[in-house]
Amino acid sequence: MTDDVHAVLAAKRAELEAEIAVLTAPSGDLGGIGFGKRVGEGTALAVERLSQVAAHDRLRALHADVLRAQAKADDGTYGVCDGCGEPIAADRLEALPWATRCITCQARRA
């Protein structure tokens, strides 16, 4: 199981790092965003950039979870909740291999 977990987490980490790289790559448009009385190209560009920032933040948080799960797999504590120290349900780990908290502790954290 440990090799499977390592492989799944490594694949997810690589996927996230590739997505983050795409979002953080410089865009070809370095001009300013203009806002006028009408919704136009500048407004659409601003909305797109805000969406990219939100996606980037979600990806970075998920990346941190994957890194934490990898560290737990390396030190032998994978599957143990960071909050209460109890085992994380197998169904949860199957659905989210990077989960580091049981459902109860995750609900308290959110």
PDB file of N, CA and C in Angstrom:
ATOM      1  N   MET A   1       0.824  -1.198   0.000  1.00  0.00           N
ATOM      2  CA  MET A   1       0.000   0.000   0.000  1.00  0.00           C
ATOM      3  C   MET A   1       0.864   1.256   0.000  1.00  0.00           C
ATOM      4  N   THR A   2       1.954   1.250   0.734  1.00  0.00           N
ATOM      5  CA  THR A   2       2.792   2.442   0.840  1.00  0.00           C
ATOM      6  C   THR A   2       3.309   2.881  -0.525  1.00  0.00           C
ATOM      7  N   ASP A   3       3.731   1.919  -1.356  1.00  0.00           N
ATOM      8  CA  ASP A   3       4.212   2.277  -2.695  1.00  0.00           C
ATOM      9  C   ASP A   3       3.096   2.882  -3.532  1.00  0.00           C
ATOM     10  N   ASP A   4       1.876   2.328  -3.401  1.00  0.00           N
ATOM     11  CA  ASP A   4       0.726   2.874  -4.119  1.00  0.00           C
ATOM     12  C   ASP A   4       0.449   4.308  -3.685  1.00  0.00           C
ATOM     13  N   VAL A   5       0.472   4.547  -2.383  1.00  0.00           N
ATOM     14  CA  VAL A   5       0.221   5.891  -1.847  1.00  0.00           C
ATOM     15  C   VAL A   5       1.284   6.853  -2.345  1.00  0.00           C
ATOM     16  N   HIS A   6       2.530   6.443  -2.285  1.00  0.00           N
ATOM     17  CA  HIS A   6       3.612   7.307  -2.779  1.00  0.00           C
ATOM     18  C   HIS A   6       3.417   7.640  -4.252  1.00  0.00           C
ATOM     19  N   ALA A   7       3.035   6.654  -5.050  1.00  0.00           N
ATOM     20  CA  ALA A   7       2.843   6.879  -6.484  1.00  0.00           C
ATOM     21  C   ALA A   7       1.675   7.825  -6.746  1.00  0.00           C
ATOM     22  N   VAL A   8       0.569   7.613  -6.052  1.00  0.00           N
ATOM     23  CA  VAL A   8      -0.614   8.476  -6.237  1.00  0.00           C
ATOM     24  C   VAL A   8      -0.286   9.908  -5.832  1.00  0.00           C
ATOM     25  N   LEU A   9       0.365  10.065  -4.688  1.00  0.00           N
ATOM     26  CA  LEU A   9       0.696  11.410  -4.206  1.00  0.00           C
ATOM     27  C   LEU A   9       1.714  12.091  -5.119  1.00  0.00           C
ATOM     28  N   ALA A  10       2.687  11.342  -5.605  1.00  0.00           N
ATOM     29  CA  ALA A  10       3.679  11.923  -6.521  1.00  0.00           C
ATOM     30  C   ALA A  10       3.016  12.365  -7.822  1.00  0.00           C
ATOM     31  N   ALA A  11       2.089  11.575  -8.325  1.00  0.00           N
ATOM     32  CA  ALA A  11       1.387  11.944  -9.559  1.00  0.00           C
ATOM     33  C   ALA A  11       0.535  13.192  -9.345  1.00  0.00           C
ATOM     34  N   LYS A  12      -0.169  13.263  -8.210  1.00  0.00           N
ATOM     35  CA  LYS A  12      -1.006  14.431  -7.919  1.00  0.00           C
ATOM     36  C   LYS A  12      -0.132  15.672  -7.759  1.00  0.00           C
ATOM     37  N   ARG A  13       0.998  15.514  -7.089  1.00  0.00           N
ATOM     38  CA  ARG A  13       1.914  16.640  -6.897  1.00  0.00           C
ATOM     39  C   ARG A  13       2.406  17.167  -8.250  1.00  0.00           C
ATOM     40  N   ALA A  14       2.800  16.274  -9.139  1.00  0.00           N
ATOM     41  CA  ALA A  14       3.277  16.685 -10.464  1.00  0.00           C
ATOM     42  C   ALA A  14       2.167  17.386 -11.236  1.00  0.00           C
ATOM     43  N   GLU A  15       0.957  16.847 -11.163  1.00  0.00           N
ATOM     44  CA  GLU A  15      -0.188  17.465 -11.841  1.00  0.00           C
ATOM     45  C   GLU A  15      -0.432  18.875 -11.330  1.00  0.00           C
ATOM     46  N   LEU A  16      -0.414  19.041 -10.008  1.00  0.00           N
ATOM     47  CA  LEU A  16      -0.660  20.360  -9.419  1.00  0.00           C
ATOM     48  C   LEU A  16       0.448  21.345  -9.774  1.00  0.00           C
ATOM     49  N   GLU A  17       1.686  20.877  -9.730  1.00  0.00           N
ATOM     50  CA  GLU A  17       2.806  21.761 -10.057  1.00  0.00           C
ATOM     51  C   GLU A  17       2.739  22.219 -11.508  1.00  0.00           C
ATOM     52  N   ALA A  18       2.282  21.343 -12.405  1.00  0.00           N
ATOM     53  CA  ALA A  18       2.118  21.733 -13.808  1.00  0.00           C
ATOM     54  C   ALA A  18       1.000  22.769 -13.955  1.00  0.00           C
ATOM     55  N   GLU A  19      -0.108  22.567 -13.252  1.00  0.00           N
ATOM     56  CA  GLU A  19      -1.215  23.527 -13.321  1.00  0.00           C
ATOM     57  C   GLU A  19      -0.811  24.876 -12.733  1.00  0.00           C
ATOM     58  N   ILE A  20      -0.074  24.861 -11.638  1.00  0.00           N
ATOM     59  CA  ILE A  20       0.390  26.106 -11.012  1.00  0.00           C
ATOM     60  C   ILE A  20       1.351  26.829 -11.960  1.00  0.00           C
ATOM     61  N   ALA A  21       2.203  26.075 -12.626  1.00  0.00           N
ATOM     62  CA  ALA A  21       3.153  26.687 -13.567  1.00  0.00           C
ATOM     63  C   ALA A  21       2.419  27.386 -14.701  1.00  0.00           C
ATOM     64  N   VAL A  22       1.345  26.789 -15.185  1.00  0.00           N
ATOM     65  CA  VAL A  22       0.564  27.418 -16.262  1.00  0.00           C
ATOM     66  C   VAL A  22      -0.048  28.724 -15.768  1.00  0.00           C
ATOM     67  N   LEU A  23      -0.601  28.703 -14.555  1.00  0.00           N
ATOM     68  CA  LEU A  23      -1.254  29.905 -14.024  1.00  0.00           C
ATOM     69  C   LEU A  23      -0.264  31.021 -13.692  1.00  0.00           C
ATOM     70  N   THR A  24       0.961  30.652 -13.341  1.00  0.00           N
ATOM     71  CA  THR A  24       1.932  31.673 -12.948  1.00  0.00           C
ATOM     72  C   THR A  24       2.833  32.116 -14.091  1.00  0.00           C
ATOM     73  N   ALA A  25       2.705  31.474 -15.251  1.00  0.00           N
ATOM     74  CA  ALA A  25       3.509  31.885 -16.406  1.00  0.00           C
ATOM     75  C   ALA A  25       3.089  33.283 -16.831  1.00  0.00           C
ATOM     76  N   PRO A  26       4.052  34.099 -17.208  1.00  0.00           N
ATOM     77  CA  PRO A  26       3.711  35.453 -17.648  1.00  0.00           C
ATOM     78  C   PRO A  26       2.809  35.411 -18.877  1.00  0.00           C
ATOM     79  N   SER A  27       1.830  36.280 -18.872  1.00  0.00           N
ATOM     80  CA  SER A  27       0.935  36.344 -20.028  1.00  0.00           C
ATOM     81  C   SER A  27       1.547  37.257 -21.082  1.00  0.00           C
ATOM     82  N   GLY A  28       1.088  37.102 -22.295  1.00  0.00           N
ATOM     83  CA  GLY A  28       1.587  37.938 -23.378  1.00  0.00           C
ATOM     84  C   GLY A  28       1.109  39.372 -23.264  1.00  0.00           C
ATOM     85  N   ASP A  29      -0.028  39.577 -22.561  1.00  0.00           N
ATOM     86  CA  ASP A  29      -0.604  40.914 -22.428  1.00  0.00           C
ATOM     87  C   ASP A  29      -0.112  41.548 -21.138  1.00  0.00           C
ATOM     88  N   LEU A  30       0.809  42.480 -21.255  1.00  0.00           N
ATOM     89  CA  LEU A  30       1.340  43.153 -20.080  1.00  0.00           C
ATOM     90  C   LEU A  30       0.743  44.543 -19.909  1.00  0.00           C
ATOM     91  N   GLY A  31      -0.241  44.865 -20.716  1.00  0.00           N
ATOM     92  CA  GLY A  31      -0.867  46.179 -20.652  1.00  0.00           C
ATOM     93  C   GLY A  31      -1.776  46.309 -19.451  1.00  0.00           C
ATOM     94  N   GLY A  32      -2.194  47.518 -19.201  1.00  0.00           N
ATOM     95  CA  GLY A  32      -3.095  47.781 -18.095  1.00  0.00           C
ATOM     96  C   GLY A  32      -4.515  47.388 -18.441  1.00  0.00           C
ATOM     97  N   ILE A  33      -5.317  47.314 -17.421  1.00  0.00           N
ATOM     98  CA  ILE A  33      -6.726  46.995 -17.597  1.00  0.00           C
ATOM     99  C   ILE A  33      -7.492  48.297 -17.486  1.00  0.00           C
ATOM    100  N   GLY A  34      -8.259  48.596 -18.523  1.00  0.00           N
ATOM    101  CA  GLY A  34      -9.055  49.808 -18.502  1.00  0.00           C
ATOM    102  C   GLY A  34     -10.504  49.508 -18.166  1.00  0.00           C
ATOM    103  N   PHE A  35     -11.106  50.364 -17.392  1.00  0.00           N
ATOM    104  CA  PHE A  35     -12.510  50.212 -17.045  1.00  0.00           C
ATOM    105  C   PHE A  35     -13.256  51.447 -17.506  1.00  0.00           C
ATOM    106  N   GLY A  36     -14.331  51.213 -18.184  1.00  0.00           N
ATOM    107  CA  GLY A  36     -15.150  52.314 -18.655  1.00  0.00           C
ATOM    108  C   GLY A  36     -16.575  52.127 -18.162  1.00  0.00           C
ATOM    109  N   LYS A  37     -17.489  52.809 -18.826  1.00  0.00           N
ATOM    110  CA  LYS A  37     -18.894  52.709 -18.440  1.00  0.00           C
ATOM    111  C   LYS A  37     -19.525  51.405 -18.908  1.00  0.00           C
ATOM    112  N   ARG A  38     -18.957  50.809 -19.921  1.00  0.00           N
ATOM    113  CA  ARG A  38     -19.506  49.562 -20.456  1.00  0.00           C
ATOM    114  C   ARG A  38     -18.610  48.387 -20.073  1.00  0.00           C
ATOM    115  N   VAL A  39     -19.253  47.246 -19.993  1.00  0.00           N
ATOM    116  CA  VAL A  39     -18.475  46.032 -19.774  1.00  0.00           C
ATOM    117  C   VAL A  39     -17.780  45.719 -21.078  1.00  0.00           C
ATOM    118  N   GLY A  40     -16.492  45.714 -21.047  1.00  0.00           N
ATOM    119  CA  GLY A  40     -15.739  45.495 -22.271  1.00  0.00           C
ATOM    120  C   GLY A  40     -14.614  44.520 -22.052  1.00  0.00           C
ATOM    121  N   GLU A  41     -13.673  44.579 -22.966  1.00  0.00           N
ATOM    122  CA  GLU A  41     -12.559  43.655 -22.938  1.00  0.00           C
ATOM    123  C   GLU A  41     -11.741  43.792 -21.658  1.00  0.00           C
ATOM    124  N   GLY A  42     -11.527  45.011 -21.196  1.00  0.00           N
ATOM    125  CA  GLY A  42     -10.754  45.222 -19.969  1.00  0.00           C
ATOM    126  C   GLY A  42     -11.421  44.597 -18.764  1.00  0.00           C
ATOM    127  N   THR A  43     -12.730  44.722 -18.676  1.00  0.00           N
ATOM    128  CA  THR A  43     -13.473  44.138 -17.565  1.00  0.00           C
ATOM    129  C   THR A  43     -13.411  42.616 -17.626  1.00  0.00           C
ATOM    130  N   ALA A  44     -13.576  42.074 -18.812  1.00  0.00           N
ATOM    131  CA  ALA A  44     -13.504  40.621 -18.972  1.00  0.00           C
ATOM    132  C   ALA A  44     -12.120  40.106 -18.581  1.00  0.00           C
ATOM    133  N   LEU A  45     -11.088  40.834 -18.946  1.00  0.00           N
ATOM    134  CA  LEU A  45      -9.722  40.452 -18.599  1.00  0.00           C
ATOM    135  C   LEU A  45      -9.523  40.501 -17.087  1.00  0.00           C
ATOM    136  N   ALA A  46     -10.057  41.518 -16.447  1.00  0.00           N
ATOM    137  CA  ALA A  46      -9.942  41.625 -14.989  1.00  0.00           C
ATOM    138  C   ALA A  46     -10.645  40.468 -14.294  1.00  0.00           C
ATOM    139  N   VAL A  47     -11.829  40.119 -14.768  1.00  0.00           N
ATOM    140  CA  VAL A  47     -12.567  38.994 -14.192  1.00  0.00           C
ATOM    141  C   VAL A  47     -11.793  37.700 -14.395  1.00  0.00           C
ATOM    142  N   GLU A  48     -11.218  37.521 -15.568  1.00  0.00           N
ATOM    143  CA  GLU A  48     -10.421  36.320 -15.843  1.00  0.00           C
ATOM    144  C   GLU A  48      -9.220  36.243 -14.895  1.00  0.00           C
ATOM    145  N   ARG A  49      -8.560  37.352 -14.685  1.00  0.00           N
ATOM    146  CA  ARG A  49      -7.397  37.362 -13.792  1.00  0.00           C
ATOM    147  C   ARG A  49      -7.803  37.059 -12.348  1.00  0.00           C
ATOM    148  N   LEU A  50      -8.930  37.593 -11.911  1.00  0.00           N
ATOM    149  CA  LEU A  50      -9.417  37.284 -10.567  1.00  0.00           C
ATOM    150  C   LEU A  50      -9.726  35.799 -10.428  1.00  0.00           C
ATOM    151  N   SER A  51     -10.305  35.224 -11.460  1.00  0.00           N
ATOM    152  CA  SER A  51     -10.588  33.788 -11.453  1.00  0.00           C
ATOM    153  C   SER A  51      -9.297  32.984 -11.390  1.00  0.00           C
ATOM    154  N   GLN A  52      -8.282  33.435 -12.107  1.00  0.00           N
ATOM    155  CA  GLN A  52      -6.993  32.744 -12.087  1.00  0.00           C
ATOM    156  C   GLN A  52      -6.341  32.825 -10.715  1.00  0.00           C
ATOM    157  N   VAL A  53      -6.474  33.954 -10.047  1.00  0.00           N
ATOM    158  CA  VAL A  53      -5.915  34.100  -8.702  1.00  0.00           C
ATOM    159  C   VAL A  53      -6.608  33.134  -7.736  1.00  0.00           C
ATOM    160  N   ALA A  54      -7.922  33.044  -7.829  1.00  0.00           N
ATOM    161  CA  ALA A  54      -8.670  32.125  -6.959  1.00  0.00           C
ATOM    162  C   ALA A  54      -8.278  30.681  -7.248  1.00  0.00           C
ATOM    163  N   ALA A  55      -8.145  30.330  -8.521  1.00  0.00           N
ATOM    164  CA  ALA A  55      -7.737  28.967  -8.883  1.00  0.00           C
ATOM    165  C   ALA A  55      -6.329  28.689  -8.378  1.00  0.00           C
ATOM    166  N   HIS A  56      -5.445  29.658  -8.508  1.00  0.00           N
ATOM    167  CA  HIS A  56      -4.072  29.511  -8.026  1.00  0.00           C
ATOM    168  C   HIS A  56      -4.057  29.264  -6.520  1.00  0.00           C
ATOM    169  N   ASP A  57      -4.848  30.020  -5.782  1.00  0.00           N
ATOM    170  CA  ASP A  57      -4.902  29.848  -4.325  1.00  0.00           C
ATOM    171  C   ASP A  57      -5.404  28.459  -3.948  1.00  0.00           C
ATOM    172  N   ARG A  58      -6.425  27.969  -4.653  1.00  0.00           N
ATOM    173  CA  ARG A  58      -6.947  26.620  -4.381  1.00  0.00           C
ATOM    174  C   ARG A  58      -5.898  25.560  -4.708  1.00  0.00           C
ATOM    175  N   LEU A  59      -5.202  25.729  -5.818  1.00  0.00           N
ATOM    176  CA  LEU A  59      -4.168  24.770  -6.198  1.00  0.00           C
ATOM    177  C   LEU A  59      -3.019  24.764  -5.203  1.00  0.00           C
ATOM    178  N   ARG A  60      -2.624  25.938  -4.724  1.00  0.00           N
ATOM    179  CA  ARG A  60      -1.527  26.014  -3.738  1.00  0.00           C
ATOM    180  C   ARG A  60      -1.923  25.338  -2.425  1.00  0.00           C
ATOM    181  N   ALA A  61      -3.166  25.511  -2.005  1.00  0.00           N
ATOM    182  CA  ALA A  61      -3.631  24.864  -0.775  1.00  0.00           C
ATOM    183  C   ALA A  61      -3.653  23.341  -0.954  1.00  0.00           C
ATOM    184  N   LEU A  62      -4.122  22.879  -2.086  1.00  0.00           N
ATOM    185  CA  LEU A  62      -4.148  21.445  -2.359  1.00  0.00           C
ATOM    186  C   LEU A  62      -2.724  20.902  -2.457  1.00  0.00           C
ATOM    187  N   HIS A  63      -1.830  21.660  -3.065  1.00  0.00           N
ATOM    188  CA  HIS A  63      -0.422  21.272  -3.166  1.00  0.00           C
ATOM    189  C   HIS A  63       0.180  21.107  -1.769  1.00  0.00           C
ATOM    190  N   ALA A  64      -0.135  22.023  -0.868  1.00  0.00           N
ATOM    191  CA  ALA A  64       0.361  21.923   0.511  1.00  0.00           C
ATOM    192  C   ALA A  64      -0.172  20.654   1.184  1.00  0.00           C
ATOM    193  N   ASP A  65      -1.429  20.317   0.928  1.00  0.00           N
ATOM    194  CA  ASP A  65      -2.006  19.087   1.486  1.00  0.00           C
ATOM    195  C   ASP A  65      -1.282  17.852   0.952  1.00  0.00           C
ATOM    196  N   VAL A  66      -0.978  17.855  -0.339  1.00  0.00           N
ATOM    197  CA  VAL A  66      -0.275  16.715  -0.937  1.00  0.00           C
ATOM    198  C   VAL A  66       1.126  16.598  -0.344  1.00  0.00           C
ATOM    199  N   LEU A  67       1.818  17.717  -0.183  1.00  0.00           N
ATOM    200  CA  LEU A  67       3.159  17.690   0.418  1.00  0.00           C
ATOM    201  C   LEU A  67       3.101  17.152   1.846  1.00  0.00           C
ATOM    202  N   ARG A  68       2.087  17.572   2.602  1.00  0.00           N
ATOM    203  CA  ARG A  68       1.937  17.086   3.977  1.00  0.00           C
ATOM    204  C   ARG A  68       1.662  15.586   3.996  1.00  0.00           C
ATOM    205  N   ALA A  69       0.804  15.121   3.100  1.00  0.00           N
ATOM    206  CA  ALA A  69       0.500  13.683   3.024  1.00  0.00           C
ATOM    207  C   ALA A  69       1.749  12.889   2.632  1.00  0.00           C
ATOM    208  N   GLN A  70       2.561  13.443   1.724  1.00  0.00           N
ATOM    209  CA  GLN A  70       3.804  12.774   1.355  1.00  0.00           C
ATOM    210  C   GLN A  70       4.745  12.676   2.558  1.00  0.00           C
ATOM    211  N   ALA A  71       4.845  13.746   3.328  1.00  0.00           N
ATOM    212  CA  ALA A  71       5.698  13.725   4.517  1.00  0.00           C
ATOM    213  C   ALA A  71       5.195  12.685   5.517  1.00  0.00           C
ATOM    214  N   LYS A  72       3.883  12.595   5.680  1.00  0.00           N
ATOM    215  CA  LYS A  72       3.303  11.612   6.590  1.00  0.00           C
ATOM    216  C   LYS A  72       3.559  10.184   6.088  1.00  0.00           C
ATOM    217  N   ALA A  73       3.481   9.988   4.775  1.00  0.00           N
ATOM    218  CA  ALA A  73       3.770   8.664   4.211  1.00  0.00           C
ATOM    219  C   ALA A  73       5.235   8.301   4.458  1.00  0.00           C
ATOM    220  N   ASP A  74       6.119   9.285   4.349  1.00  0.00           N
ATOM    221  CA  ASP A  74       7.548   9.047   4.569  1.00  0.00           C
ATOM    222  C   ASP A  74       7.872   8.740   6.026  1.00  0.00           C
ATOM    223  N   ASP A  75       7.164   9.411   6.957  1.00  0.00           N
ATOM    224  CA  ASP A  75       7.499   9.201   8.374  1.00  0.00           C
ATOM    225  C   ASP A  75       6.633   8.145   9.067  1.00  0.00           C
ATOM    226  N   GLY A  76       5.759   7.501   8.287  1.00  0.00           N
ATOM    227  CA  GLY A  76       4.966   6.401   8.836  1.00  0.00           C
ATOM    228  C   GLY A  76       3.690   6.813   9.542  1.00  0.00           C
ATOM    229  N   THR A  77       3.271   8.068   9.408  1.00  0.00           N
ATOM    230  CA  THR A  77       2.042   8.516  10.072  1.00  0.00           C
ATOM    231  C   THR A  77       0.898   8.734   9.083  1.00  0.00           C
ATOM    232  N   TYR A  78       1.071   8.273   7.847  1.00  0.00           N
ATOM    233  CA  TYR A  78       0.006   8.415   6.856  1.00  0.00           C
ATOM    234  C   TYR A  78      -1.225   7.673   7.348  1.00  0.00           C
ATOM    235  N   GLY A  79      -2.379   8.329   7.218  1.00  0.00           N
ATOM    236  CA  GLY A  79      -3.633   7.715   7.656  1.00  0.00           C
ATOM    237  C   GLY A  79      -4.006   8.050   9.083  1.00  0.00           C
ATOM    238  N   VAL A  80      -3.164   8.832   9.755  1.00  0.00           N
ATOM    239  CA  VAL A  80      -3.444   9.281  11.121  1.00  0.00           C
ATOM    240  C   VAL A  80      -3.793  10.761  11.050  1.00  0.00           C
ATOM    241  N   CYS A  81      -4.895  11.131  11.680  1.00  0.00           N
ATOM    242  CA  CYS A  81      -5.388  12.509  11.640  1.00  0.00           C
ATOM    243  C   CYS A  81      -4.417  13.463  12.333  1.00  0.00           C
ATOM    244  N   ASP A  82      -4.106  14.567  11.656  1.00  0.00           N
ATOM    245  CA  ASP A  82      -3.265  15.616  12.240  1.00  0.00           C
ATOM    246  C   ASP A  82      -3.972  16.324  13.394  1.00  0.00           C
ATOM    247  N   GLY A  83      -5.303  16.294  13.419  1.00  0.00           N
ATOM    248  CA  GLY A  83      -6.057  16.994  14.457  1.00  0.00           C
ATOM    249  C   GLY A  83      -6.200  16.215  15.747  1.00  0.00           C
ATOM    250  N   CYS A  84      -6.717  14.991  15.637  1.00  0.00           N
ATOM    251  CA  CYS A  84      -7.044  14.224  16.851  1.00  0.00           C
ATOM    252  C   CYS A  84      -6.154  13.012  17.069  1.00  0.00           C
ATOM    253  N   GLY A  85      -5.374  12.635  16.074  1.00  0.00           N
ATOM    254  CA  GLY A  85      -4.484  11.490  16.209  1.00  0.00           C
ATOM    255  C   GLY A  85      -5.151  10.142  15.974  1.00  0.00           C
ATOM    256  N   GLU A  86      -6.422  10.176  15.629  1.00  0.00           N
ATOM    257  CA  GLU A  86      -7.150   8.931  15.348  1.00  0.00           C
ATOM    258  C   GLU A  86      -6.957   8.554  13.876  1.00  0.00           C
ATOM    259  N   PRO A  87      -7.209   7.290  13.539  1.00  0.00           N
ATOM    260  CA  PRO A  87      -7.093   6.883  12.127  1.00  0.00           C
ATOM    261  C   PRO A  87      -8.118   7.607  11.249  1.00  0.00           C
ATOM    262  N   ILE A  88      -7.696   7.939  10.044  1.00  0.00           N
ATOM    263  CA  ILE A  88      -8.593   8.527   9.049  1.00  0.00           C
ATOM    264  C   ILE A  88      -9.291   7.363   8.351  1.00  0.00           C
ATOM    265  N   ALA A  89     -10.593   7.482   8.143  1.00  0.00           N
ATOM    266  CA  ALA A  89     -11.368   6.407   7.522  1.00  0.00           C
ATOM    267  C   ALA A  89     -10.782   6.027   6.157  1.00  0.00           C
ATOM    268  N   ALA A  90     -10.738   4.729   5.901  1.00  0.00           N
ATOM    269  CA  ALA A  90     -10.187   4.218   4.644  1.00  0.00           C
ATOM    270  C   ALA A  90     -10.935   4.786   3.432  1.00  0.00           C
ATOM    271  N   ASP A  91     -12.254   4.943   3.552  1.00  0.00           N
ATOM    272  CA  ASP A  91     -13.040   5.513   2.446  1.00  0.00           C
ATOM    273  C   ASP A  91     -12.595   6.932   2.137  1.00  0.00           C
ATOM    274  N   ARG A  92     -12.293   7.695   3.174  1.00  0.00           N
ATOM    275  CA  ARG A  92     -11.838   9.077   2.972  1.00  0.00           C
ATOM    276  C   ARG A  92     -10.487   9.088   2.273  1.00  0.00           C
ATOM    277  N   LEU A  93      -9.574   8.229   2.715  1.00  0.00           N
ATOM    278  CA  LEU A  93      -8.250   8.169   2.096  1.00  0.00           C
ATOM    279  C   LEU A  93      -8.319   7.659   0.663  1.00  0.00           C
ATOM    280  N   GLU A  94      -9.277   6.792   0.388  1.00  0.00           N
ATOM    281  CA  GLU A  94      -9.438   6.309  -0.980  1.00  0.00           C
ATOM    282  C   GLU A  94      -9.923   7.444  -1.884  1.00  0.00           C
ATOM    283  N   ALA A  95     -10.852   8.244  -1.367  1.00  0.00           N
ATOM    284  CA  ALA A  95     -11.391   9.363  -2.147  1.00  0.00           C
ATOM    285  C   ALA A  95     -10.403  10.518  -2.244  1.00  0.00           C
ATOM    286  N   LEU A  96      -9.714  10.801  -1.148  1.00  0.00           N
ATOM    287  CA  LEU A  96      -8.754  11.903  -1.076  1.00  0.00           C
ATOM    288  C   LEU A  96      -7.455  11.387  -0.456  1.00  0.00           C
ATOM    289  N   PRO A  97      -6.583  10.793  -1.250  1.00  0.00           N
ATOM    290  CA  PRO A  97      -5.352  10.223  -0.691  1.00  0.00           C
ATOM    291  C   PRO A  97      -4.475  11.246   0.032  1.00  0.00           C
ATOM    292  N   TRP A  98      -4.696  12.515  -0.214  1.00  0.00           N
ATOM    293  CA  TRP A  98      -3.904  13.572   0.431  1.00  0.00           C
ATOM    294  C   TRP A  98      -4.575  14.097   1.696  1.00  0.00           C
ATOM    295  N   ALA A  99      -5.654  13.476   2.136  1.00  0.00           N
ATOM    296  CA  ALA A  99      -6.326  13.912   3.377  1.00  0.00           C
ATOM    297  C   ALA A  99      -5.392  13.690   4.569  1.00  0.00           C
ATOM    298  N   THR A 100      -5.278  14.709   5.397  1.00  0.00           N
ATOM    299  CA  THR A 100      -4.438  14.600   6.598  1.00  0.00           C
ATOM    300  C   THR A 100      -5.259  14.785   7.872  1.00  0.00           C
ATOM    301  N   ARG A 101      -6.561  14.940   7.709  1.00  0.00           N
ATOM    302  CA  ARG A 101      -7.474  15.089   8.846  1.00  0.00           C
ATOM    303  C   ARG A 101      -8.701  14.209   8.622  1.00  0.00           C
ATOM    304  N   CYS A 102      -9.233  13.697   9.713  1.00  0.00           N
ATOM    305  CA  CYS A 102     -10.477  12.938   9.617  1.00  0.00           C
ATOM    306  C   CYS A 102     -11.613  13.916   9.275  1.00  0.00           C
ATOM    307  N   ILE A 103     -12.762  13.389   8.937  1.00  0.00           N
ATOM    308  CA  ILE A 103     -13.879  14.238   8.536  1.00  0.00           C
ATOM    309  C   ILE A 103     -14.271  15.193   9.652  1.00  0.00           C
ATOM    310  N   THR A 104     -14.296  14.710  10.888  1.00  0.00           N
ATOM    311  CA  THR A 104     -14.698  15.535  12.021  1.00  0.00           C
ATOM    312  C   THR A 104     -13.741  16.716  12.205  1.00  0.00           C
ATOM    313  N   CYS A 105     -12.451  16.429  12.207  1.00  0.00           N
ATOM    314  CA  CYS A 105     -11.463  17.502  12.398  1.00  0.00           C
ATOM    315  C   CYS A 105     -11.439  18.463  11.199  1.00  0.00           C
ATOM    316  N   GLN A 106     -11.641  17.941   9.990  1.00  0.00           N
ATOM    317  CA  GLN A 106     -11.689  18.819   8.824  1.00  0.00           C
ATOM    318  C   GLN A 106     -12.890  19.741   8.892  1.00  0.00           C
ATOM    319  N   ALA A 107     -14.021  19.230   9.363  1.00  0.00           N
ATOM    320  CA  ALA A 107     -15.232  20.059   9.488  1.00  0.00           C
ATOM    321  C   ALA A 107     -15.016  21.169  10.511  1.00  0.00           C
ATOM    322  N   ARG A 108     -14.311  20.874  11.581  1.00  0.00           N
ATOM    323  CA  ARG A 108     -14.022  21.908  12.605  1.00  0.00           C
ATOM    324  C   ARG A 108     -13.080  22.965  12.046  1.00  0.00           C
ATOM    325  N   ARG A 109     -12.180  22.569  11.190  1.00  0.00           N
ATOM    326  CA  ARG A 109     -11.182  23.468  10.622  1.00  0.00           C
ATOM    327  C   ARG A 109     -11.805  24.425   9.609  1.00  0.00           C
ATOM    328  N   ALA A 110     -12.821  23.972   8.898  1.00  0.00           N
ATOM    329  CA  ALA A 110     -13.432  24.773   7.828  1.00  0.00           C
ATOM    330  C   ALA A 110     -14.328  25.863   8.345  1.00  0.00           C
TER     331      ALA A 110
END
